Each structure stands twice: as structure tokens, then as C-alpha cells.
Amino acid sequence: MPDPAITVFGQESFHKAVVETFAAIDMCIDRGLFVPAQMLIFSALDAFSYIELPQLANAMDRFQAWVDKRVLPHDDVLCDAVDLYAARSAILHRLGVQSRLSESGQAASIAFSHGDAPFATLRELRDSVRTKTGRLVPIVRLEALAEALAKGVTALLQGVETDPDLRARMQHYCKRDRLTAD
């Protein structure tokens, strides 16, 4: 979870939404509710990409740019931003593992692991498949993706303190959100 001590301009509703989202992700993972955990993680990635990069009109470009900036690389998230976007589309729009991007070969389908699944074994399997087929199979540990998201959000919120442009965008976002929240 992002540092709970960081509050953006005293915007309690925004801060509460961030804290509750990460609490829900943790709760889903702890209870073995992995599809809802993925849905929450991908929705949060979408939301924070929009919050930080609203000038990018294309959702896919915005998502990938934010993931590259704030989430990747991570030792247990072995994929590209386009693969995560395809996984996001698959789970949010089809409740599955295939999206139009993965079906067309523009992105790879991610093999997700969670809990006590031996990630080292998945890495060995990934290397074996790559050696035999030349094809790279992305693998992602779900808990690591949640952790990488939390680090990205923390970095974003810390950036508000040092980047005047980001601070202005966040103030604008929070002001606009407060006016339309009810």
C-alpha cells in the first residue's frame, strides 16, 4: 500500500479512495480472490495513468507510458507494458486471458502466479519455452504486481511535492473530482 502518511493537498476523499483500493487488493489476495484482485489492480493502473498523464488521449498509450514510468521494471513482473495492457483488457472486458492484442500477436498472454507458487520454477519454465520455441512467455506474480503498483502510486504522490507541473495537475484533478463526486 502507498505510504498512508502521504495525503494530497488534504484531499481526504482522494486519499481515502487510494487507501481503500489498496486494502481491497490486499484483502482479495489474502482470501484467494485472484480475478477480483486483478480487476482492482488493472483498474487502479488505468486510474493513476489517467490522473498523471491526462494529456495522452489514447488510453492504451497512457496506460503503457505510466506503467513504464512508475511500475516497471520489477523482478517478479517479467513482461512489457503492452502485455499488461492486453491482460488488463482481457480480464476487464472478457473475464479471460485473451484480448484482441494477444489474439493478434501484438502482445503476449501473461502467465500469472500467486500465493506460494514457486516463481523460480516459472522462470525456469519460461526460459525452457523460450529456448525451444523462441517465444518469450511473460510471467507475473500477482502480489508483486500489487507491490509494483503501490510503489508507483507512492512515487507519484511523492512527485507532487517536487514537481510543480504534477502538483498543478493533481490540484486540478482533485478540484474537478470534488465538484463531480456526488
N, C-alpha and C. Protein backbone atom coordinates (compact mmCIF):
# COMPACT_ATOMS: atom_id res chain seq x y z
N MET A 1 0.84 -1.17 0.00
CA MET A 1 0.00 0.00 0.00
C MET A 1 0.89 1.24 0.00
N PRO A 2 0.48 2.27 -0.73
CA PRO A 2 1.25 3.51 -0.70
C PRO A 2 1.33 4.03 0.73
N ASP A 3 2.34 4.83 0.98
CA ASP A 3 2.57 5.39 2.31
C ASP A 3 1.32 6.13 2.77
N PRO A 4 0.67 5.65 3.86
CA PRO A 4 -0.57 6.30 4.30
C PRO A 4 -0.34 7.71 4.85
N ALA A 5 0.91 8.07 5.12
CA ALA A 5 1.20 9.41 5.61
C ALA A 5 1.12 10.46 4.50
N ILE A 6 1.15 10.01 3.26
CA ILE A 6 1.10 10.96 2.13
C ILE A 6 -0.37 11.26 1.83
N THR A 7 -0.74 12.51 1.99
CA THR A 7 -2.07 12.96 1.62
C THR A 7 -1.91 14.09 0.63
N VAL A 8 -2.62 14.03 -0.45
CA VAL A 8 -2.51 15.04 -1.49
C VAL A 8 -3.37 16.24 -1.13
N PHE A 9 -2.74 17.34 -0.81
CA PHE A 9 -3.38 18.64 -0.55
C PHE A 9 -4.56 18.55 0.39
N GLY A 10 -4.52 17.62 1.31
CA GLY A 10 -5.64 17.48 2.23
C GLY A 10 -6.91 16.96 1.58
N GLN A 11 -6.79 16.35 0.41
CA GLN A 11 -7.96 15.82 -0.29
C GLN A 11 -8.33 14.47 0.31
N GLU A 12 -9.12 14.52 1.36
CA GLU A 12 -9.43 13.31 2.11
C GLU A 12 -10.15 12.26 1.28
N SER A 13 -11.06 12.69 0.41
CA SER A 13 -11.80 11.69 -0.36
C SER A 13 -10.88 10.96 -1.33
N PHE A 14 -9.94 11.68 -1.96
CA PHE A 14 -8.98 11.04 -2.85
C PHE A 14 -8.09 10.08 -2.06
N HIS A 15 -7.57 10.57 -0.93
CA HIS A 15 -6.70 9.76 -0.09
C HIS A 15 -7.44 8.51 0.39
N LYS A 16 -8.69 8.68 0.81
CA LYS A 16 -9.49 7.55 1.28
C LYS A 16 -9.69 6.52 0.17
N ALA A 17 -9.96 7.00 -1.04
CA ALA A 17 -10.15 6.09 -2.18
C ALA A 17 -8.88 5.28 -2.45
N VAL A 18 -7.72 5.93 -2.37
CA VAL A 18 -6.44 5.24 -2.59
C VAL A 18 -6.24 4.17 -1.53
N VAL A 19 -6.41 4.54 -0.27
CA VAL A 19 -6.20 3.60 0.84
C VAL A 19 -7.17 2.43 0.74
N GLU A 20 -8.44 2.71 0.45
CA GLU A 20 -9.43 1.64 0.36
C GLU A 20 -9.17 0.71 -0.83
N THR A 21 -8.71 1.27 -1.94
CA THR A 21 -8.40 0.43 -3.11
C THR A 21 -7.30 -0.56 -2.77
N PHE A 22 -6.24 -0.08 -2.13
CA PHE A 22 -5.15 -1.00 -1.79
C PHE A 22 -5.54 -1.98 -0.70
N ALA A 23 -6.40 -1.57 0.21
CA ALA A 23 -6.90 -2.51 1.23
C ALA A 23 -7.73 -3.61 0.56
N ALA A 24 -8.53 -3.23 -0.43
CA ALA A 24 -9.34 -4.22 -1.14
C ALA A 24 -8.47 -5.18 -1.95
N ILE A 25 -7.42 -4.67 -2.59
CA ILE A 25 -6.49 -5.54 -3.32
C ILE A 25 -5.87 -6.54 -2.36
N ASP A 26 -5.36 -6.05 -1.23
CA ASP A 26 -4.74 -6.94 -0.24
C ASP A 26 -5.75 -7.98 0.28
N MET A 27 -6.97 -7.55 0.56
CA MET A 27 -8.00 -8.45 1.06
C MET A 27 -8.30 -9.55 0.02
N CYS A 28 -8.44 -9.15 -1.24
CA CYS A 28 -8.72 -10.15 -2.29
C CYS A 28 -7.59 -11.16 -2.40
N ILE A 29 -6.36 -10.68 -2.40
CA ILE A 29 -5.22 -11.60 -2.49
C ILE A 29 -5.17 -12.53 -1.28
N ASP A 30 -5.36 -11.96 -0.08
CA ASP A 30 -5.33 -12.77 1.14
C ASP A 30 -6.41 -13.85 1.16
N ARG A 31 -7.55 -13.57 0.53
CA ARG A 31 -8.66 -14.52 0.51
C ARG A 31 -8.67 -15.41 -0.72
N GLY A 32 -7.65 -15.28 -1.56
CA GLY A 32 -7.57 -16.12 -2.75
C GLY A 32 -8.52 -15.70 -3.85
N LEU A 33 -8.95 -14.46 -3.83
CA LEU A 33 -9.86 -13.94 -4.86
C LEU A 33 -9.01 -13.24 -5.92
N PHE A 34 -8.38 -14.04 -6.77
CA PHE A 34 -7.35 -13.51 -7.66
C PHE A 34 -7.91 -12.75 -8.86
N VAL A 35 -9.05 -13.15 -9.40
CA VAL A 35 -9.64 -12.39 -10.50
C VAL A 35 -10.08 -11.01 -10.01
N PRO A 36 -10.80 -10.89 -8.90
CA PRO A 36 -11.13 -9.55 -8.41
C PRO A 36 -9.87 -8.73 -8.07
N ALA A 37 -8.84 -9.38 -7.57
CA ALA A 37 -7.58 -8.66 -7.28
C ALA A 37 -7.01 -8.10 -8.58
N GLN A 38 -7.00 -8.92 -9.64
CA GLN A 38 -6.52 -8.43 -10.93
C GLN A 38 -7.37 -7.27 -11.43
N MET A 39 -8.67 -7.39 -11.28
CA MET A 39 -9.56 -6.33 -11.75
C MET A 39 -9.27 -5.01 -11.02
N LEU A 40 -9.07 -5.10 -9.73
CA LEU A 40 -8.75 -3.90 -8.95
C LEU A 40 -7.39 -3.33 -9.34
N ILE A 41 -6.41 -4.18 -9.50
CA ILE A 41 -5.06 -3.72 -9.87
C ILE A 41 -5.10 -3.04 -11.24
N PHE A 42 -5.73 -3.68 -12.22
CA PHE A 42 -5.76 -3.09 -13.56
C PHE A 42 -6.60 -1.81 -13.59
N SER A 43 -7.67 -1.77 -12.83
CA SER A 43 -8.45 -0.54 -12.74
C SER A 43 -7.64 0.59 -12.11
N ALA A 44 -6.87 0.26 -11.09
CA ALA A 44 -6.01 1.27 -10.45
C ALA A 44 -4.92 1.74 -11.40
N LEU A 45 -4.32 0.82 -12.15
CA LEU A 45 -3.32 1.23 -13.14
C LEU A 45 -3.94 2.20 -14.15
N ASP A 46 -5.15 1.89 -14.60
CA ASP A 46 -5.87 2.79 -15.51
C ASP A 46 -6.09 4.16 -14.87
N ALA A 47 -6.58 4.15 -13.64
CA ALA A 47 -6.92 5.41 -12.97
C ALA A 47 -5.69 6.29 -12.77
N PHE A 48 -4.61 5.71 -12.27
CA PHE A 48 -3.43 6.51 -12.00
C PHE A 48 -2.73 6.96 -13.28
N SER A 49 -2.86 6.17 -14.34
CA SER A 49 -2.30 6.64 -15.61
C SER A 49 -3.08 7.85 -16.10
N TYR A 50 -4.38 7.84 -15.91
CA TYR A 50 -5.19 8.99 -16.31
C TYR A 50 -4.91 10.20 -15.42
N ILE A 51 -4.76 9.97 -14.13
CA ILE A 51 -4.50 11.07 -13.20
C ILE A 51 -3.18 11.77 -13.54
N GLU A 52 -2.14 11.00 -13.80
CA GLU A 52 -0.83 11.61 -14.04
C GLU A 52 -0.63 12.05 -15.49
N LEU A 53 -1.22 11.36 -16.43
CA LEU A 53 -0.94 11.62 -17.85
C LEU A 53 -2.21 11.92 -18.66
N PRO A 54 -3.05 12.83 -18.20
CA PRO A 54 -4.30 13.08 -18.92
C PRO A 54 -4.10 13.67 -20.31
N GLN A 55 -2.92 14.22 -20.56
CA GLN A 55 -2.65 14.81 -21.87
C GLN A 55 -2.54 13.75 -22.96
N LEU A 56 -2.33 12.49 -22.59
CA LEU A 56 -2.29 11.41 -23.57
C LEU A 56 -3.73 10.92 -23.78
N ALA A 57 -4.28 11.22 -24.92
CA ALA A 57 -5.69 10.93 -25.18
C ALA A 57 -5.98 9.44 -25.34
N ASN A 58 -5.04 8.69 -25.91
CA ASN A 58 -5.24 7.27 -26.17
C ASN A 58 -5.00 6.48 -24.87
N ALA A 59 -6.01 5.75 -24.43
CA ALA A 59 -5.94 5.01 -23.16
C ALA A 59 -4.80 4.00 -23.13
N MET A 60 -4.59 3.31 -24.24
CA MET A 60 -3.51 2.32 -24.30
C MET A 60 -2.15 3.00 -24.17
N ASP A 61 -1.94 4.09 -24.89
CA ASP A 61 -0.67 4.81 -24.81
C ASP A 61 -0.44 5.35 -23.40
N ARG A 62 -1.50 5.90 -22.81
CA ARG A 62 -1.41 6.46 -21.46
C ARG A 62 -1.06 5.38 -20.45
N PHE A 63 -1.76 4.24 -20.53
CA PHE A 63 -1.52 3.12 -19.62
C PHE A 63 -0.07 2.65 -19.73
N GLN A 64 0.38 2.41 -20.96
CA GLN A 64 1.73 1.91 -21.17
C GLN A 64 2.78 2.91 -20.70
N ALA A 65 2.56 4.19 -20.98
CA ALA A 65 3.52 5.21 -20.56
C ALA A 65 3.62 5.26 -19.04
N TRP A 66 2.48 5.17 -18.34
CA TRP A 66 2.52 5.22 -16.89
C TRP A 66 3.15 3.95 -16.30
N VAL A 67 2.82 2.81 -16.85
CA VAL A 67 3.42 1.55 -16.38
C VAL A 67 4.94 1.59 -16.58
N ASP A 68 5.38 2.06 -17.74
CA ASP A 68 6.83 2.14 -17.98
C ASP A 68 7.49 3.13 -17.03
N LYS A 69 6.80 4.21 -16.72
CA LYS A 69 7.37 5.25 -15.85
C LYS A 69 7.36 4.85 -14.38
N ARG A 70 6.28 4.24 -13.91
CA ARG A 70 6.09 4.05 -12.47
C ARG A 70 6.11 2.61 -11.97
N VAL A 71 5.89 1.62 -12.84
CA VAL A 71 5.69 0.25 -12.37
C VAL A 71 6.83 -0.69 -12.77
N LEU A 72 7.30 -0.58 -14.00
CA LEU A 72 8.35 -1.48 -14.48
C LEU A 72 9.70 -0.78 -14.43
N PRO A 73 10.77 -1.49 -14.31
CA PRO A 73 10.89 -2.95 -14.15
C PRO A 73 10.66 -3.38 -12.71
N HIS A 74 10.33 -4.66 -12.55
CA HIS A 74 10.16 -5.29 -11.24
C HIS A 74 10.59 -6.74 -11.38
N ASP A 75 11.32 -7.27 -10.41
CA ASP A 75 11.89 -8.61 -10.51
C ASP A 75 10.86 -9.72 -10.73
N ASP A 76 9.67 -9.56 -10.18
CA ASP A 76 8.66 -10.61 -10.31
C ASP A 76 7.50 -10.19 -11.23
N VAL A 77 7.75 -9.17 -12.04
CA VAL A 77 6.80 -8.75 -13.07
C VAL A 77 7.60 -8.74 -14.36
N LEU A 78 7.65 -9.90 -15.00
CA LEU A 78 8.50 -10.10 -16.17
C LEU A 78 7.67 -10.02 -17.44
N CYS A 79 7.37 -8.80 -17.82
CA CYS A 79 6.57 -8.56 -19.02
C CYS A 79 6.79 -7.13 -19.46
N ASP A 80 6.17 -6.80 -20.58
CA ASP A 80 6.20 -5.43 -21.09
C ASP A 80 4.88 -4.75 -20.77
N ALA A 81 4.89 -3.42 -20.88
CA ALA A 81 3.68 -2.65 -20.61
C ALA A 81 2.54 -3.07 -21.54
N VAL A 82 2.85 -3.38 -22.80
CA VAL A 82 1.80 -3.79 -23.74
C VAL A 82 1.17 -5.12 -23.31
N ASP A 83 1.98 -6.02 -22.71
CA ASP A 83 1.44 -7.28 -22.22
C ASP A 83 0.48 -7.04 -21.05
N LEU A 84 0.85 -6.10 -20.17
CA LEU A 84 -0.05 -5.76 -19.06
C LEU A 84 -1.34 -5.12 -19.58
N TYR A 85 -1.22 -4.28 -20.59
CA TYR A 85 -2.41 -3.66 -21.15
C TYR A 85 -3.33 -4.74 -21.76
N ALA A 86 -2.74 -5.69 -22.45
CA ALA A 86 -3.53 -6.78 -23.03
C ALA A 86 -4.19 -7.61 -21.93
N ALA A 87 -3.46 -7.88 -20.85
CA ALA A 87 -4.03 -8.63 -19.72
C ALA A 87 -5.16 -7.84 -19.07
N ARG A 88 -4.95 -6.53 -18.96
CA ARG A 88 -5.98 -5.65 -18.41
C ARG A 88 -7.24 -5.74 -19.26
N SER A 89 -7.09 -5.65 -20.57
CA SER A 89 -8.24 -5.71 -21.47
C SER A 89 -8.93 -7.07 -21.38
N ALA A 90 -8.13 -8.12 -21.29
CA ALA A 90 -8.69 -9.47 -21.22
C ALA A 90 -9.53 -9.67 -19.97
N ILE A 91 -9.01 -9.25 -18.82
CA ILE A 91 -9.72 -9.50 -17.56
C ILE A 91 -10.90 -8.55 -17.39
N LEU A 92 -10.72 -7.27 -17.76
CA LEU A 92 -11.79 -6.29 -17.54
C LEU A 92 -12.91 -6.40 -18.57
N HIS A 93 -12.58 -6.81 -19.80
CA HIS A 93 -13.60 -6.84 -20.85
C HIS A 93 -14.11 -8.22 -21.19
N ARG A 94 -13.32 -9.26 -20.86
CA ARG A 94 -13.73 -10.62 -21.25
C ARG A 94 -13.73 -11.61 -20.09
N LEU A 95 -13.24 -11.18 -18.93
CA LEU A 95 -13.06 -12.09 -17.78
C LEU A 95 -12.25 -13.31 -18.20
N GLY A 96 -11.22 -13.07 -19.00
CA GLY A 96 -10.40 -14.16 -19.51
C GLY A 96 -8.94 -13.77 -19.60
N VAL A 97 -8.21 -14.53 -20.39
CA VAL A 97 -6.77 -14.29 -20.53
C VAL A 97 -6.38 -13.78 -21.91
N GLN A 98 -7.32 -13.82 -22.86
CA GLN A 98 -7.03 -13.37 -24.22
C GLN A 98 -7.72 -12.04 -24.49
N SER A 99 -6.99 -11.16 -25.15
CA SER A 99 -7.56 -9.88 -25.61
C SER A 99 -7.33 -9.79 -27.11
N ARG A 100 -7.84 -8.75 -27.72
CA ARG A 100 -7.58 -8.56 -29.15
C ARG A 100 -6.08 -8.43 -29.41
N LEU A 101 -5.37 -7.76 -28.51
CA LEU A 101 -3.92 -7.59 -28.68
C LEU A 101 -3.19 -8.93 -28.62
N SER A 102 -3.55 -9.77 -27.67
CA SER A 102 -2.87 -11.07 -27.58
C SER A 102 -3.29 -12.00 -28.70
N GLU A 103 -4.54 -11.95 -29.10
CA GLU A 103 -5.00 -12.79 -30.21
C GLU A 103 -4.32 -12.42 -31.53
N SER A 104 -4.03 -11.14 -31.70
CA SER A 104 -3.40 -10.69 -32.94
C SER A 104 -1.88 -10.81 -32.92
N GLY A 105 -1.32 -11.20 -31.76
CA GLY A 105 0.12 -11.33 -31.65
C GLY A 105 0.84 -10.03 -31.32
N GLN A 106 0.09 -8.95 -31.06
CA GLN A 106 0.71 -7.68 -30.71
C GLN A 106 1.17 -7.64 -29.26
N ALA A 107 0.68 -8.57 -28.46
CA ALA A 107 1.08 -8.70 -27.06
C ALA A 107 1.05 -10.18 -26.71
N ALA A 108 1.78 -10.51 -25.68
CA ALA A 108 1.80 -11.90 -25.22
C ALA A 108 0.83 -12.07 -24.06
N SER A 109 0.24 -13.25 -23.95
CA SER A 109 -0.60 -13.57 -22.80
C SER A 109 0.31 -13.85 -21.61
N ILE A 110 -0.01 -13.26 -20.50
CA ILE A 110 0.80 -13.38 -19.29
C ILE A 110 0.40 -14.61 -18.50
N ALA A 111 1.39 -15.34 -18.00
CA ALA A 111 1.15 -16.42 -17.05
C ALA A 111 1.27 -15.80 -15.65
N PHE A 112 0.14 -15.73 -14.93
CA PHE A 112 0.13 -15.16 -13.59
C PHE A 112 0.35 -16.26 -12.56
N SER A 113 1.12 -15.93 -11.54
CA SER A 113 1.25 -16.83 -10.38
C SER A 113 0.80 -16.05 -9.16
N HIS A 114 0.52 -16.77 -8.10
CA HIS A 114 0.11 -16.10 -6.87
C HIS A 114 0.35 -17.03 -5.70
N GLY A 115 0.28 -16.43 -4.53
CA GLY A 115 0.45 -17.22 -3.32
C GLY A 115 1.82 -17.85 -3.24
N ASP A 116 1.83 -19.12 -2.89
CA ASP A 116 3.08 -19.84 -2.68
C ASP A 116 3.61 -20.49 -3.95
N ALA A 117 3.03 -20.19 -5.09
CA ALA A 117 3.51 -20.76 -6.35
C ALA A 117 4.99 -20.42 -6.51
N PRO A 118 5.80 -21.42 -6.82
CA PRO A 118 7.26 -21.19 -6.92
C PRO A 118 7.63 -20.36 -8.15
N PHE A 119 7.87 -19.08 -7.95
CA PHE A 119 8.16 -18.19 -9.06
C PHE A 119 9.45 -18.60 -9.78
N ALA A 120 10.41 -19.12 -9.03
CA ALA A 120 11.67 -19.57 -9.66
C ALA A 120 11.40 -20.69 -10.67
N THR A 121 10.46 -21.57 -10.35
CA THR A 121 10.10 -22.65 -11.28
C THR A 121 9.48 -22.07 -12.55
N LEU A 122 8.65 -21.06 -12.38
CA LEU A 122 8.05 -20.40 -13.56
C LEU A 122 9.12 -19.74 -14.42
N ARG A 123 10.12 -19.15 -13.79
CA ARG A 123 11.22 -18.55 -14.56
C ARG A 123 11.95 -19.62 -15.37
N GLU A 124 12.20 -20.79 -14.75
CA GLU A 124 12.87 -21.88 -15.46
C GLU A 124 12.01 -22.37 -16.63
N LEU A 125 10.71 -22.51 -16.39
CA LEU A 125 9.79 -22.92 -17.46
C LEU A 125 9.79 -21.89 -18.58
N ARG A 126 9.77 -20.63 -18.21
CA ARG A 126 9.79 -19.54 -19.19
C ARG A 126 11.05 -19.64 -20.06
N ASP A 127 12.20 -19.84 -19.43
CA ASP A 127 13.45 -19.96 -20.17
C ASP A 127 13.47 -21.19 -21.07
N SER A 128 12.89 -22.29 -20.59
CA SER A 128 12.82 -23.52 -21.37
C SER A 128 11.95 -23.32 -22.62
N VAL A 129 10.78 -22.68 -22.44
CA VAL A 129 9.89 -22.43 -23.57
C VAL A 129 10.58 -21.51 -24.57
N ARG A 130 11.28 -20.52 -24.07
CA ARG A 130 11.97 -19.58 -24.97
C ARG A 130 13.07 -20.30 -25.76
N THR A 131 13.79 -21.20 -25.11
CA THR A 131 14.85 -21.95 -25.79
C THR A 131 14.26 -22.84 -26.87
N LYS A 132 13.13 -23.50 -26.59
CA LYS A 132 12.53 -24.43 -27.54
C LYS A 132 11.78 -23.74 -28.66
N THR A 133 11.09 -22.66 -28.34
CA THR A 133 10.20 -22.05 -29.33
C THR A 133 10.66 -20.67 -29.81
N GLY A 134 11.57 -20.08 -29.08
CA GLY A 134 11.99 -18.72 -29.40
C GLY A 134 10.97 -17.68 -28.93
N ARG A 135 9.93 -18.15 -28.30
CA ARG A 135 8.85 -17.27 -27.84
C ARG A 135 9.00 -16.98 -26.35
N LEU A 136 8.90 -15.72 -26.00
CA LEU A 136 9.00 -15.31 -24.60
C LEU A 136 7.61 -15.31 -23.98
N VAL A 137 7.45 -16.05 -22.90
CA VAL A 137 6.18 -16.08 -22.18
C VAL A 137 6.33 -15.19 -20.95
N PRO A 138 5.60 -14.08 -20.90
CA PRO A 138 5.70 -13.21 -19.74
C PRO A 138 5.10 -13.89 -18.50
N ILE A 139 5.73 -13.69 -17.36
CA ILE A 139 5.19 -14.20 -16.11
C ILE A 139 5.15 -13.07 -15.10
N VAL A 140 4.09 -13.10 -14.31
CA VAL A 140 3.88 -12.06 -13.31
C VAL A 140 3.35 -12.69 -12.04
N ARG A 141 4.00 -12.38 -10.92
CA ARG A 141 3.50 -12.77 -9.62
C ARG A 141 2.50 -11.70 -9.20
N LEU A 142 1.26 -12.08 -8.97
CA LEU A 142 0.19 -11.13 -8.70
C LEU A 142 0.52 -10.21 -7.52
N GLU A 143 1.06 -10.76 -6.46
CA GLU A 143 1.41 -9.95 -5.30
C GLU A 143 2.48 -8.93 -5.66
N ALA A 144 3.40 -9.31 -6.55
CA ALA A 144 4.45 -8.38 -6.98
C ALA A 144 3.87 -7.26 -7.83
N LEU A 145 2.87 -7.57 -8.64
CA LEU A 145 2.23 -6.52 -9.44
C LEU A 145 1.53 -5.52 -8.52
N ALA A 146 0.88 -6.02 -7.47
CA ALA A 146 0.24 -5.13 -6.50
C ALA A 146 1.30 -4.27 -5.81
N GLU A 147 2.42 -4.87 -5.47
CA GLU A 147 3.52 -4.14 -4.84
C GLU A 147 4.10 -3.09 -5.78
N ALA A 148 4.29 -3.45 -7.03
CA ALA A 148 4.82 -2.51 -8.02
C ALA A 148 3.85 -1.34 -8.23
N LEU A 149 2.56 -1.63 -8.25
CA LEU A 149 1.55 -0.58 -8.34
C LEU A 149 1.66 0.36 -7.15
N ALA A 150 1.75 -0.20 -5.95
CA ALA A 150 1.84 0.62 -4.74
C ALA A 150 3.08 1.52 -4.77
N LYS A 151 4.20 0.96 -5.22
CA LYS A 151 5.42 1.78 -5.33
C LYS A 151 5.24 2.89 -6.35
N GLY A 152 4.58 2.58 -7.45
CA GLY A 152 4.32 3.59 -8.48
C GLY A 152 3.43 4.71 -7.97
N VAL A 153 2.40 4.36 -7.22
CA VAL A 153 1.50 5.36 -6.67
C VAL A 153 2.23 6.20 -5.63
N THR A 154 3.03 5.56 -4.80
CA THR A 154 3.81 6.29 -3.81
C THR A 154 4.75 7.28 -4.50
N ALA A 155 5.42 6.84 -5.56
CA ALA A 155 6.32 7.73 -6.31
C ALA A 155 5.54 8.89 -6.92
N LEU A 156 4.36 8.61 -7.45
CA LEU A 156 3.52 9.67 -8.00
C LEU A 156 3.18 10.69 -6.92
N LEU A 157 2.72 10.22 -5.78
CA LEU A 157 2.31 11.13 -4.71
C LEU A 157 3.50 11.90 -4.14
N GLN A 158 4.66 11.27 -4.07
CA GLN A 158 5.86 11.98 -3.64
C GLN A 158 6.28 13.02 -4.67
N GLY A 159 6.07 12.70 -5.94
CA GLY A 159 6.41 13.62 -7.01
C GLY A 159 5.61 14.91 -6.95
N VAL A 160 4.43 14.84 -6.37
CA VAL A 160 3.60 16.04 -6.22
C VAL A 160 4.34 17.10 -5.40
N GLU A 161 5.16 16.63 -4.46
CA GLU A 161 5.90 17.56 -3.59
C GLU A 161 7.04 18.25 -4.32
N THR A 162 7.60 17.63 -5.36
CA THR A 162 8.80 18.17 -6.01
C THR A 162 8.59 18.66 -7.42
N ASP A 163 7.49 18.29 -8.05
CA ASP A 163 7.23 18.66 -9.45
C ASP A 163 6.04 19.62 -9.51
N PRO A 164 6.29 20.91 -9.75
CA PRO A 164 5.20 21.89 -9.76
C PRO A 164 4.12 21.58 -10.82
N ASP A 165 4.52 21.06 -11.98
CA ASP A 165 3.54 20.73 -13.02
C ASP A 165 2.63 19.59 -12.56
N LEU A 166 3.23 18.57 -11.97
CA LEU A 166 2.44 17.45 -11.46
C LEU A 166 1.53 17.92 -10.33
N ARG A 167 2.05 18.76 -9.48
CA ARG A 167 1.24 19.30 -8.38
C ARG A 167 0.02 20.05 -8.93
N ALA A 168 0.23 20.87 -9.94
CA ALA A 168 -0.87 21.63 -10.53
C ALA A 168 -1.90 20.68 -11.15
N ARG A 169 -1.43 19.63 -11.85
CA ARG A 169 -2.37 18.66 -12.46
C ARG A 169 -3.18 17.95 -11.38
N MET A 170 -2.51 17.58 -10.29
CA MET A 170 -3.21 16.88 -9.21
C MET A 170 -4.22 17.81 -8.53
N GLN A 171 -3.84 19.06 -8.32
CA GLN A 171 -4.78 20.01 -7.72
C GLN A 171 -6.00 20.19 -8.62
N HIS A 172 -5.75 20.31 -9.91
CA HIS A 172 -6.85 20.44 -10.87
C HIS A 172 -7.73 19.18 -10.84
N TYR A 173 -7.09 18.02 -10.86
CA TYR A 173 -7.83 16.76 -10.84
C TYR A 173 -8.69 16.65 -9.59
N CYS A 174 -8.07 16.89 -8.43
CA CYS A 174 -8.80 16.75 -7.16
C CYS A 174 -9.92 17.78 -7.06
N LYS A 175 -9.71 19.00 -7.53
CA LYS A 175 -10.73 20.04 -7.51
C LYS A 175 -11.89 19.63 -8.41
N ARG A 176 -11.60 19.18 -9.61
CA ARG A 176 -12.64 18.76 -10.56
C ARG A 176 -13.39 17.56 -10.00
N ASP A 177 -12.64 16.60 -9.42
CA ASP A 177 -13.27 15.39 -8.88
C ASP A 177 -14.19 15.73 -7.72
N ARG A 178 -13.77 16.65 -6.88
CA ARG A 178 -14.58 17.04 -5.72
C ARG A 178 -15.90 17.66 -6.18
N LEU A 179 -15.88 18.38 -7.29
CA LEU A 179 -17.08 19.04 -7.79
C LEU A 179 -18.07 18.07 -8.41
N THR A 180 -17.60 16.91 -8.86
CA THR A 180 -18.48 15.97 -9.55
C THR A 180 -18.68 14.66 -8.80
N ALA A 181 -18.15 14.55 -7.59
CA ALA A 181 -18.16 13.27 -6.88
C ALA A 181 -19.56 12.82 -6.44
N ASP A 182 -20.46 13.75 -6.19
CA ASP A 182 -21.77 13.35 -5.69
C ASP A 182 -22.71 13.15 -6.83
